[in-house]
Protein backbone atom coordinates (compact mmCIF):
# COMPACT_ATOMS: atom_id res chain seq x y z
CA MET A 1 0.00 0.00 0.00
CA LYS A 2 2.83 2.40 0.77
CA ILE A 3 4.32 1.91 -2.69
CA LYS A 4 1.00 2.68 -4.36
CA GLU A 5 0.55 5.75 -2.16
CA TYR A 6 4.08 6.90 -3.01
CA ILE A 7 3.44 6.56 -6.75
CA VAL A 8 0.13 8.41 -6.54
CA GLU A 9 1.66 11.24 -4.49
CA THR A 10 4.62 11.48 -6.85
CA TYR A 11 2.32 11.68 -9.87
CA ASN A 12 0.21 14.39 -8.22
CA GLU A 13 3.31 16.36 -7.25
CA MET A 14 4.74 16.20 -10.77
CA MET A 15 1.48 17.14 -12.48
CA HIS A 16 0.17 19.85 -10.14
CA ASN A 17 3.05 21.39 -8.16
CA VAL A 18 6.06 21.31 -10.50
CA SER A 19 6.43 24.24 -12.87
CA TRP A 20 7.61 22.82 -16.18
CA PRO A 21 9.50 25.08 -18.61
CA THR A 22 7.93 26.10 -21.86
CA TRP A 23 9.37 24.82 -25.14
CA LYS A 24 11.04 28.21 -25.79
CA GLU A 25 12.60 28.27 -22.31
CA LEU A 26 13.88 24.73 -22.80
CA GLN A 27 15.46 25.60 -26.15
CA SER A 28 17.03 28.77 -24.73
CA ASN A 29 18.50 26.95 -21.73
CA THR A 30 19.80 24.16 -23.94
CA ILE A 31 21.63 26.65 -26.14
CA VAL A 32 23.19 28.25 -23.05
CA VAL A 33 24.43 24.87 -21.81
CA VAL A 34 25.83 23.88 -25.23
CA VAL A 35 27.67 27.21 -25.65
CA ALA A 36 29.08 27.05 -22.12
CA SER A 37 30.24 23.46 -22.68
CA VAL A 38 31.97 24.37 -25.95
CA LEU A 39 33.69 27.38 -24.37
CA PHE A 40 34.84 25.29 -21.41
CA SER A 41 36.22 22.53 -23.65
CA VAL A 42 37.99 25.06 -25.91
CA SER A 43 39.61 26.71 -22.88
CA ILE A 44 40.87 23.33 -21.66
CA PHE A 45 42.22 22.57 -25.16
CA VAL A 46 44.04 25.91 -25.24
CA MET A 47 45.57 25.29 -21.82
CA ASP A 48 46.71 21.82 -22.92
CA PHE A 49 48.18 23.26 -26.10
CA VAL A 50 49.98 26.13 -24.36
CA PHE A 51 51.38 24.23 -21.40
CA GLY A 52 51.74 20.85 -23.12
CA ILE A 53 51.09 17.40 -21.83
CA THR A 54 53.91 14.95 -21.38
CA GLY A 55 52.97 11.35 -21.01
CA ASP A 56 55.01 8.42 -19.77
CA SER A 57 56.37 7.93 -23.27
CA GLY A 58 58.17 11.30 -23.12
CA SER A 59 56.41 12.89 -26.06
CA THR A 60 58.24 15.66 -27.88
CA TRP A 61 55.52 18.32 -27.56
CA ARG A 62 56.00 20.29 -24.37
CA GLY A 63 53.54 23.06 -25.24
CA LEU A 64 54.29 26.59 -26.35
CA VAL A 65 55.79 27.42 -22.96
CA GLY A 66 58.20 24.48 -23.23
CA MET A 67 59.06 25.38 -26.83
CA ILE A 68 59.91 28.97 -25.85
CA TYR A 69 61.90 27.70 -22.87
CA ASN A 70 63.94 25.41 -25.13
CA MET A 71 64.72 28.30 -27.50
CA PHE A 72 66.67 30.13 -24.78
C-alpha cells in the first residue's frame, strides 16, 4: 500500500506542483548549456596546447611554454 501511495503522491506532485519550462525556455536553456560546454572545452584545449602534456612515453611536444623555454 505504501508503494501505491508513493506513486500516486509522486504523480500528483509532478502534475500539479512542479512548474515545467515552456518549449522556448527549454530551447534557450539548452543553447546556453551547449555554448558554455563548448567554451569550457575550448579553454581546456588551449591550456593543454599552451602548457603541453607529457605522457610516460616522453612525447616531444611540451607546449608553447616548453618550446619557448627550449629556445633560450
